[in-house]
Full PDB file with SEQRES, HELIX, SHEET, SSBOND, CRYST1, ORIGX, SCALE, CONECT and MASTER records, all heavy atoms in Angstrom:
SEQRES   1 A   30  GLU LEU HIS LYS ILE VAL HIS SER GLY LEU TYR VAL LYS          
SEQRES   2 A   30  ILE PRO ASN PHE GLU LEU LYS THR GLU ARG GLN CYS ASP          
SEQRES   3 A   30  PHE ASP GLU ASN                                              
HELIX    1 AA1 LEU A    2  VAL A    6  1                                   5    
HELIX    2 AA2 ASP A   26  GLU A   29  1                                   4    
CRYST1    1.000    1.000    1.000  90.00  90.00  90.00 P 1           1          
ORIGX1      1.000000  0.000000  0.000000        0.00000                         
ORIGX2      0.000000  1.000000  0.000000        0.00000                         
ORIGX3      0.000000  0.000000  1.000000        0.00000                         
SCALE1      1.000000  0.000000  0.000000        0.00000                         
SCALE2      0.000000  1.000000  0.000000        0.00000                         
SCALE3      0.000000  0.000000  1.000000        0.00000                         
ATOM      1  N   GLU A   1       2.583   2.960  12.758  1.00  0.00           N  
ATOM      2  CA  GLU A   1       3.780   3.795  12.859  1.00  0.00           C  
ATOM      3  C   GLU A   1       4.219   4.292  11.488  1.00  0.00           C  
ATOM      4  O   GLU A   1       4.635   5.452  11.329  1.00  0.00           O  
ATOM      5  CB  GLU A   1       4.901   3.006  13.530  1.00  0.00           C  
ATOM      6  CG  GLU A   1       6.094   3.835  13.961  1.00  0.00           C  
ATOM      7  CD  GLU A   1       5.776   4.813  15.077  1.00  0.00           C  
ATOM      8  OE1 GLU A   1       4.808   4.575  15.816  1.00  0.00           O  
ATOM      9  OE2 GLU A   1       6.497   5.824  15.180  1.00  0.00           O  
ATOM     10  N   LEU A   2       4.123   3.438  10.485  1.00  0.00           N  
ATOM     11  CA  LEU A   2       4.483   3.836   9.118  1.00  0.00           C  
ATOM     12  C   LEU A   2       3.562   4.934   8.603  1.00  0.00           C  
ATOM     13  O   LEU A   2       4.009   5.866   7.926  1.00  0.00           O  
ATOM     14  CB  LEU A   2       4.425   2.624   8.182  1.00  0.00           C  
ATOM     15  CG  LEU A   2       5.557   1.604   8.336  1.00  0.00           C  
ATOM     16  CD1 LEU A   2       5.250   0.342   7.536  1.00  0.00           C  
ATOM     17  CD2 LEU A   2       6.891   2.192   7.886  1.00  0.00           C  
ATOM     18  N   HIS A   3       2.282   4.853   8.925  1.00  0.00           N  
ATOM     19  CA  HIS A   3       1.340   5.885   8.486  1.00  0.00           C  
ATOM     20  C   HIS A   3       1.698   7.252   9.076  1.00  0.00           C  
ATOM     21  O   HIS A   3       1.531   8.288   8.425  1.00  0.00           O  
ATOM     22  CB  HIS A   3      -0.081   5.493   8.881  1.00  0.00           C  
ATOM     23  CG  HIS A   3      -0.691   4.469   7.971  1.00  0.00           C  
ATOM     24  ND1 HIS A   3      -1.619   3.545   8.387  1.00  0.00           N  
ATOM     25  CD2 HIS A   3      -0.484   4.212   6.656  1.00  0.00           C  
ATOM     26  CE1 HIS A   3      -1.964   2.779   7.381  1.00  0.00           C  
ATOM     27  NE2 HIS A   3      -1.284   3.155   6.319  1.00  0.00           N  
ATOM     28  N   LYS A   4       2.197   7.275  10.277  1.00  0.00           N  
ATOM     29  CA  LYS A   4       2.615   8.537  10.892  1.00  0.00           C  
ATOM     30  C   LYS A   4       3.796   9.145  10.130  1.00  0.00           C  
ATOM     31  O   LYS A   4       3.875  10.355   9.928  1.00  0.00           O  
ATOM     32  CB  LYS A   4       3.009   8.320  12.348  1.00  0.00           C  
ATOM     33  CG  LYS A   4       1.868   7.882  13.248  1.00  0.00           C  
ATOM     34  CD  LYS A   4       2.373   7.577  14.645  1.00  0.00           C  
ATOM     35  CE  LYS A   4       1.258   7.025  15.531  1.00  0.00           C  
ATOM     36  NZ  LYS A   4       1.762   6.640  16.873  1.00  0.00           N  
ATOM     37  N   ILE A   5       4.709   8.276   9.694  1.00  0.00           N  
ATOM     38  CA  ILE A   5       5.895   8.742   8.980  1.00  0.00           C  
ATOM     39  C   ILE A   5       5.529   9.246   7.593  1.00  0.00           C  
ATOM     40  O   ILE A   5       6.116  10.209   7.086  1.00  0.00           O  
ATOM     41  CB  ILE A   5       6.938   7.605   8.890  1.00  0.00           C  
ATOM     42  CG1 ILE A   5       7.370   7.200  10.308  1.00  0.00           C  
ATOM     43  CG2 ILE A   5       8.150   8.016   8.060  1.00  0.00           C  
ATOM     44  CD1 ILE A   5       8.141   5.908  10.372  1.00  0.00           C  
ATOM     45  N   VAL A   6       4.511   8.621   6.983  1.00  0.00           N  
ATOM     46  CA  VAL A   6       4.047   9.052   5.659  1.00  0.00           C  
ATOM     47  C   VAL A   6       3.670  10.527   5.686  1.00  0.00           C  
ATOM     48  O   VAL A   6       3.966  11.285   4.757  1.00  0.00           O  
ATOM     49  CB  VAL A   6       2.828   8.203   5.214  1.00  0.00           C  
ATOM     50  CG1 VAL A   6       2.163   8.837   3.999  1.00  0.00           C  
ATOM     51  CG2 VAL A   6       3.264   6.781   4.886  1.00  0.00           C  
ATOM     52  N   HIS A   7       3.036  10.951   6.751  1.00  0.00           N  
ATOM     53  CA  HIS A   7       2.575  12.336   6.848  1.00  0.00           C  
ATOM     54  C   HIS A   7       3.716  13.327   7.074  1.00  0.00           C  
ATOM     55  O   HIS A   7       3.506  14.534   7.067  1.00  0.00           O  
ATOM     56  CB  HIS A   7       1.543  12.460   7.964  1.00  0.00           C  
ATOM     57  CG  HIS A   7       0.277  11.698   7.699  1.00  0.00           C  
ATOM     58  ND1 HIS A   7      -0.483  11.880   6.572  1.00  0.00           N  
ATOM     59  CD2 HIS A   7      -0.336  10.718   8.416  1.00  0.00           C  
ATOM     60  CE1 HIS A   7      -1.525  11.065   6.599  1.00  0.00           C  
ATOM     61  NE2 HIS A   7      -1.464  10.336   7.700  1.00  0.00           N  
ATOM     62  N   SER A   8       4.931  12.802   7.267  1.00  0.00           N  
ATOM     63  CA  SER A   8       6.070  13.704   7.488  1.00  0.00           C  
ATOM     64  C   SER A   8       6.935  13.849   6.237  1.00  0.00           C  
ATOM     65  O   SER A   8       8.038  14.362   6.318  1.00  0.00           O  
ATOM     66  CB  SER A   8       6.918  13.197   8.655  1.00  0.00           C  
ATOM     67  OG  SER A   8       7.518  11.952   8.335  1.00  0.00           O  
ATOM     68  N   GLY A   9       6.430  13.388   5.096  1.00  0.00           N  
ATOM     69  CA  GLY A   9       7.125  13.686   3.850  1.00  0.00           C  
ATOM     70  C   GLY A   9       7.576  12.534   2.994  1.00  0.00           C  
ATOM     71  O   GLY A   9       7.885  12.723   1.816  1.00  0.00           O  
ATOM     72  N   LEU A  10       7.654  11.326   3.535  1.00  0.00           N  
ATOM     73  CA  LEU A  10       8.093  10.171   2.748  1.00  0.00           C  
ATOM     74  C   LEU A  10       6.872   9.423   2.224  1.00  0.00           C  
ATOM     75  O   LEU A  10       5.970   9.092   2.993  1.00  0.00           O  
ATOM     76  CB  LEU A  10       8.933   9.233   3.617  1.00  0.00           C  
ATOM     77  CG  LEU A  10       9.430   7.943   2.950  1.00  0.00           C  
ATOM     78  CD1 LEU A  10      10.524   8.263   1.936  1.00  0.00           C  
ATOM     79  CD2 LEU A  10       9.942   6.957   3.996  1.00  0.00           C  
ATOM     80  N   TYR A  11       6.850   9.165   0.919  1.00  0.00           N  
ATOM     81  CA  TYR A  11       5.781   8.344   0.353  1.00  0.00           C  
ATOM     82  C   TYR A  11       6.103   6.886   0.649  1.00  0.00           C  
ATOM     83  O   TYR A  11       7.177   6.404   0.313  1.00  0.00           O  
ATOM     84  CB  TYR A  11       5.685   8.570  -1.159  1.00  0.00           C  
ATOM     85  CG  TYR A  11       4.598   7.760  -1.830  1.00  0.00           C  
ATOM     86  CD1 TYR A  11       3.318   8.298  -2.008  1.00  0.00           C  
ATOM     87  CD2 TYR A  11       4.834   6.461  -2.270  1.00  0.00           C  
ATOM     88  CE1 TYR A  11       2.315   7.563  -2.607  1.00  0.00           C  
ATOM     89  CE2 TYR A  11       3.827   5.726  -2.872  1.00  0.00           C  
ATOM     90  CZ  TYR A  11       2.577   6.275  -3.038  1.00  0.00           C  
ATOM     91  OH  TYR A  11       1.582   5.536  -3.637  1.00  0.00           O  
ATOM     92  N   VAL A  12       5.172   6.180   1.288  1.00  0.00           N  
ATOM     93  CA  VAL A  12       5.377   4.771   1.623  1.00  0.00           C  
ATOM     94  C   VAL A  12       4.228   3.955   1.051  1.00  0.00           C  
ATOM     95  O   VAL A  12       3.059   4.229   1.342  1.00  0.00           O  
ATOM     96  CB  VAL A  12       5.461   4.548   3.152  1.00  0.00           C  
ATOM     97  CG1 VAL A  12       5.748   3.079   3.452  1.00  0.00           C  
ATOM     98  CG2 VAL A  12       6.533   5.438   3.770  1.00  0.00           C  
ATOM     99  N   LYS A  13       4.572   2.987   0.235  1.00  0.00           N  
ATOM    100  CA  LYS A  13       3.551   2.074  -0.291  1.00  0.00           C  
ATOM    101  C   LYS A  13       3.588   0.808   0.546  1.00  0.00           C  
ATOM    102  O   LYS A  13       4.601   0.106   0.591  1.00  0.00           O  
ATOM    103  CB  LYS A  13       3.796   1.767  -1.760  1.00  0.00           C  
ATOM    104  CG  LYS A  13       2.650   0.948  -2.376  1.00  0.00           C  
ATOM    105  CD  LYS A  13       2.766   0.851  -3.882  1.00  0.00           C  
ATOM    106  CE  LYS A  13       1.571   0.115  -4.463  1.00  0.00           C  
ATOM    107  NZ  LYS A  13       1.646  -0.017  -5.923  1.00  0.00           N  
ATOM    108  N   ILE A  14       2.469   0.519   1.198  1.00  0.00           N  
ATOM    109  CA  ILE A  14       2.397  -0.568   2.168  1.00  0.00           C  
ATOM    110  C   ILE A  14       1.507  -1.677   1.625  1.00  0.00           C  
ATOM    111  O   ILE A  14       0.369  -1.419   1.212  1.00  0.00           O  
ATOM    112  CB  ILE A  14       1.838  -0.055   3.512  1.00  0.00           C  
ATOM    113  CG1 ILE A  14       2.676   1.123   4.021  1.00  0.00           C  
ATOM    114  CG2 ILE A  14       1.798  -1.179   4.547  1.00  0.00           C  
ATOM    115  CD1 ILE A  14       2.071   1.840   5.213  1.00  0.00           C  
ATOM    116  N   PRO A  15       1.971  -2.910   1.636  1.00  0.00           N  
ATOM    117  CA  PRO A  15       1.155  -4.022   1.129  1.00  0.00           C  
ATOM    118  C   PRO A  15       0.132  -4.470   2.167  1.00  0.00           C  
ATOM    119  O   PRO A  15       0.136  -4.013   3.312  1.00  0.00           O  
ATOM    120  CB  PRO A  15       2.194  -5.118   0.892  1.00  0.00           C  
ATOM    121  CG  PRO A  15       3.200  -4.886   1.979  1.00  0.00           C  
ATOM    122  CD  PRO A  15       3.278  -3.382   2.132  1.00  0.00           C  
ATOM    123  N   ASN A  16      -0.745  -5.373   1.754  1.00  0.00           N  
ATOM    124  CA  ASN A  16      -1.587  -6.060   2.725  1.00  0.00           C  
ATOM    125  C   ASN A  16      -0.714  -7.015   3.531  1.00  0.00           C  
ATOM    126  O   ASN A  16       0.269  -7.552   3.020  1.00  0.00           O  
ATOM    127  CB  ASN A  16      -2.682  -6.862   2.023  1.00  0.00           C  
ATOM    128  CG  ASN A  16      -3.715  -5.974   1.345  1.00  0.00           C  
ATOM    129  OD1 ASN A  16      -3.948  -4.843   1.766  1.00  0.00           O  
ATOM    130  ND2 ASN A  16      -4.328  -6.466   0.285  1.00  0.00           N  
ATOM    131  N   PHE A  17      -1.117  -7.243   4.750  1.00  0.00           N  
ATOM    132  CA  PHE A  17      -0.413  -8.224   5.579  1.00  0.00           C  
ATOM    133  C   PHE A  17      -1.335  -9.362   6.004  1.00  0.00           C  
ATOM    134  O   PHE A  17      -1.067 -10.080   6.962  1.00  0.00           O  
ATOM    135  CB  PHE A  17       0.219  -7.548   6.796  1.00  0.00           C  
ATOM    136  CG  PHE A  17       1.389  -6.673   6.437  1.00  0.00           C  
ATOM    137  CD1 PHE A  17       1.292  -5.298   6.515  1.00  0.00           C  
ATOM    138  CD2 PHE A  17       2.584  -7.240   5.992  1.00  0.00           C  
ATOM    139  CE1 PHE A  17       2.367  -4.486   6.168  1.00  0.00           C  
ATOM    140  CE2 PHE A  17       3.659  -6.438   5.642  1.00  0.00           C  
ATOM    141  CZ  PHE A  17       3.560  -5.066   5.732  1.00  0.00           C  
ATOM    142  N   GLU A  18      -2.413  -9.498   5.251  1.00  0.00           N  
ATOM    143  CA  GLU A  18      -3.304 -10.633   5.392  1.00  0.00           C  
ATOM    144  C   GLU A  18      -4.050 -10.806   4.073  1.00  0.00           C  
ATOM    145  O   GLU A  18      -4.161  -9.869   3.288  1.00  0.00           O  
ATOM    146  CB  GLU A  18      -4.299 -10.410   6.542  1.00  0.00           C  
ATOM    147  CG  GLU A  18      -5.185  -9.199   6.355  1.00  0.00           C  
ATOM    148  CD  GLU A  18      -6.133  -8.990   7.529  1.00  0.00           C  
ATOM    149  OE1 GLU A  18      -6.417  -9.981   8.233  1.00  0.00           O  
ATOM    150  OE2 GLU A  18      -6.590  -7.849   7.731  1.00  0.00           O  
ATOM    151  N   LEU A  19      -4.534 -12.016   3.838  1.00  0.00           N  
ATOM    152  CA  LEU A  19      -5.245 -12.297   2.598  1.00  0.00           C  
ATOM    153  C   LEU A  19      -6.599 -11.611   2.611  1.00  0.00           C  
ATOM    154  O   LEU A  19      -7.383 -11.787   3.533  1.00  0.00           O  
ATOM    155  CB  LEU A  19      -5.421 -13.811   2.431  1.00  0.00           C  
ATOM    156  CG  LEU A  19      -5.987 -14.281   1.081  1.00  0.00           C  
ATOM    157  CD1 LEU A  19      -5.003 -13.972  -0.040  1.00  0.00           C  
ATOM    158  CD2 LEU A  19      -6.294 -15.772   1.137  1.00  0.00           C  
ATOM    159  N   LYS A  20      -6.872 -10.823   1.571  1.00  0.00           N  
ATOM    160  CA  LYS A  20      -8.154 -10.128   1.454  1.00  0.00           C  
ATOM    161  C   LYS A  20      -8.858 -10.532   0.165  1.00  0.00           C  
ATOM    162  O   LYS A  20      -8.238 -11.061  -0.767  1.00  0.00           O  
ATOM    163  CB  LYS A  20      -7.939  -8.609   1.486  1.00  0.00           C  
ATOM    164  CG  LYS A  20      -7.399  -8.099   2.819  1.00  0.00           C  
ATOM    165  CD  LYS A  20      -7.278  -6.588   2.826  1.00  0.00           C  
ATOM    166  CE  LYS A  20      -6.750  -6.074   4.154  1.00  0.00           C  
ATOM    167  NZ  LYS A  20      -7.694  -6.273   5.251  1.00  0.00           N  
ATOM    168  N   THR A  21     -10.153 -10.260   0.112  1.00  0.00           N  
ATOM    169  CA  THR A  21     -10.957 -10.668  -1.037  1.00  0.00           C  
ATOM    170  C   THR A  21     -10.611  -9.878  -2.290  1.00  0.00           C  
ATOM    171  O   THR A  21     -10.487 -10.426  -3.385  1.00  0.00           O  
ATOM    172  CB  THR A  21     -12.454 -10.490  -0.724  1.00  0.00           C  
ATOM    173  OG1 THR A  21     -12.783 -11.281   0.410  1.00  0.00           O  
ATOM    174  CG2 THR A  21     -13.311 -10.916  -1.906  1.00  0.00           C  
ATOM    175  N   GLU A  22     -10.461  -8.571  -2.139  1.00  0.00           N  
ATOM    176  CA  GLU A  22     -10.232  -7.702  -3.296  1.00  0.00           C  
ATOM    177  C   GLU A  22      -8.933  -8.056  -4.011  1.00  0.00           C  
ATOM    178  O   GLU A  22      -7.920  -8.362  -3.382  1.00  0.00           O  
ATOM    179  CB  GLU A  22     -10.165  -6.250  -2.852  1.00  0.00           C  
ATOM    180  CG  GLU A  22      -9.965  -5.276  -4.002  1.00  0.00           C  
ATOM    181  CD  GLU A  22      -9.763  -3.841  -3.536  1.00  0.00           C  
ATOM    182  OE1 GLU A  22      -9.593  -3.635  -2.328  1.00  0.00           O  
ATOM    183  OE2 GLU A  22      -9.755  -2.953  -4.394  1.00  0.00           O  
ATOM    184  N   ARG A  23      -8.984  -8.009  -5.341  1.00  0.00           N  
ATOM    185  CA  ARG A  23      -7.790  -8.247  -6.148  1.00  0.00           C  
ATOM    186  C   ARG A  23      -7.541  -7.048  -7.059  1.00  0.00           C  
ATOM    187  O   ARG A  23      -8.467  -6.461  -7.598  1.00  0.00           O  
ATOM    188  CB  ARG A  23      -7.947  -9.527  -6.977  1.00  0.00           C  
ATOM    189  CG  ARG A  23      -7.993 -10.778  -6.137  1.00  0.00           C  
ATOM    190  CD  ARG A  23      -8.099 -12.037  -6.966  1.00  0.00           C  
ATOM    191  NE  ARG A  23      -9.412 -12.156  -7.593  1.00  0.00           N  
ATOM    192  CZ  ARG A  23      -9.791 -13.234  -8.305  1.00  0.00           C  
ATOM    193  NH1 ARG A  23      -8.958 -14.243  -8.465  1.00  0.00           N  
ATOM    194  NH2 ARG A  23     -10.987 -13.281  -8.837  1.00  0.00           N  
ATOM    195  N   GLN A  24      -6.279  -6.721  -7.219  1.00  0.00           N  
ATOM    196  CA  GLN A  24      -5.905  -5.626  -8.111  1.00  0.00           C  
ATOM    197  C   GLN A  24      -4.483  -5.858  -8.586  1.00  0.00           C  
ATOM    198  O   GLN A  24      -3.556  -5.918  -7.768  1.00  0.00           O  
ATOM    199  CB  GLN A  24      -6.017  -4.272  -7.413  1.00  0.00           C  
ATOM    200  CG  GLN A  24      -5.737  -3.099  -8.352  1.00  0.00           C  
ATOM    201  CD  GLN A  24      -5.862  -1.765  -7.650  1.00  0.00           C  
ATOM    202  OE1 GLN A  24      -5.643  -1.662  -6.452  1.00  0.00           O  
ATOM    203  NE2 GLN A  24      -6.217  -0.736  -8.393  1.00  0.00           N  
ATOM    204  N   CYS A  25      -4.297  -5.981  -9.870  1.00  0.00           N  
ATOM    205  CA  CYS A  25      -2.977  -6.227 -10.443  1.00  0.00           C  
ATOM    206  C   CYS A  25      -2.405  -4.921 -10.986  1.00  0.00           C  
ATOM    207  O   CYS A  25      -2.943  -4.359 -11.948  1.00  0.00           O  
ATOM    208  CB  CYS A  25      -3.058  -7.276 -11.554  1.00  0.00           C  
ATOM    209  SG  CYS A  25      -1.505  -7.494 -12.445  1.00  0.00           S  
ATOM    210  N   ASP A  26      -1.331  -4.431 -10.390  1.00  0.00           N  
ATOM    211  CA  ASP A  26      -0.721  -3.187 -10.851  1.00  0.00           C  
ATOM    212  C   ASP A  26      -0.191  -3.297 -12.276  1.00  0.00           C  
ATOM    213  O   ASP A  26      -0.240  -2.339 -13.045  1.00  0.00           O  
ATOM    214  CB  ASP A  26       0.423  -2.782  -9.916  1.00  0.00           C  
ATOM    215  CG  ASP A  26      -0.084  -2.065  -8.674  1.00  0.00           C  
ATOM    216  OD1 ASP A  26      -1.273  -1.708  -8.639  1.00  0.00           O  
ATOM    217  OD2 ASP A  26       0.714  -1.853  -7.743  1.00  0.00           O  
ATOM    218  N   PHE A  27       0.324  -4.466 -12.647  1.00  0.00           N  
ATOM    219  CA  PHE A  27       0.853  -4.642 -14.001  1.00  0.00           C  
ATOM    220  C   PHE A  27      -0.255  -4.475 -15.033  1.00  0.00           C  
ATOM    221  O   PHE A  27      -0.084  -3.809 -16.053  1.00  0.00           O  
ATOM    222  CB  PHE A  27       1.499  -6.019 -14.149  1.00  0.00           C  
ATOM    223  CG  PHE A  27       2.833  -6.148 -13.470  1.00  0.00           C  
ATOM    224  CD1 PHE A  27       2.935  -6.743 -12.221  1.00  0.00           C  
ATOM    225  CD2 PHE A  27       3.986  -5.664 -14.063  1.00  0.00           C  
ATOM    226  CE1 PHE A  27       4.155  -6.860 -11.578  1.00  0.00           C  
ATOM    227  CE2 PHE A  27       5.215  -5.769 -13.437  1.00  0.00           C  
ATOM    228  CZ  PHE A  27       5.301  -6.379 -12.185  1.00  0.00           C  
ATOM    229  N   ASP A  28      -1.406  -5.082 -14.770  1.00  0.00           N  
ATOM    230  CA  ASP A  28      -2.493  -5.011 -15.739  1.00  0.00           C  
ATOM    231  C   ASP A  28      -3.200  -3.661 -15.692  1.00  0.00           C  
ATOM    232  O   ASP A  28      -3.519  -3.081 -16.734  1.00  0.00           O  
ATOM    233  CB  ASP A  28      -3.500  -6.141 -15.486  1.00  0.00           C  
ATOM    234  CG  ASP A  28      -4.402  -6.355 -16.690  1.00  0.00           C  
ATOM    235  OD1 ASP A  28      -3.871  -6.679 -17.762  1.00  0.00           O  
ATOM    236  OD2 ASP A  28      -5.625  -6.176 -16.558  1.00  0.00           O  
ATOM    237  N   GLU A  29      -3.443  -3.154 -14.496  1.00  0.00           N  
ATOM    238  CA  GLU A  29      -4.143  -1.878 -14.367  1.00  0.00           C  
ATOM    239  C   GLU A  29      -3.367  -0.743 -15.043  1.00  0.00           C  
ATOM    240  O   GLU A  29      -3.955   0.225 -15.515  1.00  0.00           O  
ATOM    241  CB  GLU A  29      -4.353  -1.539 -12.887  1.00  0.00           C  
ATOM    242  CG  GLU A  29      -5.309  -2.472 -12.150  1.00  0.00           C  
ATOM    243  CD  GLU A  29      -6.759  -2.304 -12.564  1.00  0.00           C  
ATOM    244  OE1 GLU A  29      -7.095  -1.282 -13.201  1.00  0.00           O  
ATOM    245  OE2 GLU A  29      -7.561  -3.212 -12.265  1.00  0.00           O  
ATOM    246  N   ASN A  30      -2.045  -0.874 -15.093  1.00  0.00           N  
ATOM    247  CA  ASN A  30      -1.217   0.187 -15.665  1.00  0.00           C  
ATOM    248  C   ASN A  30      -0.656  -0.150 -17.041  1.00  0.00           C  
ATOM    249  O   ASN A  30       0.265   0.503 -17.521  1.00  0.00           O  
ATOM    250  CB  ASN A  30      -0.074   0.509 -14.695  1.00  0.00           C  
ATOM    251  CG  ASN A  30      -0.579   1.192 -13.444  1.00  0.00           C  
ATOM    252  OD1 ASN A  30      -0.907   2.373 -13.458  1.00  0.00           O  
ATOM    253  ND2 ASN A  30      -0.681   0.451 -12.349  1.00  0.00           N  
TER     254      ASN A  30                                                      
MASTER        0    0    0    2    0    0    0    6  253    1    0    3          
END                                                                             
């Protein structure tokens, strides 16, 4: 449902809702 709203003009940053293998630190990457 959130993805549908994203396409109507609001930028939505959505986290993972389960533990995944990939790691990415926004603080370090930026």
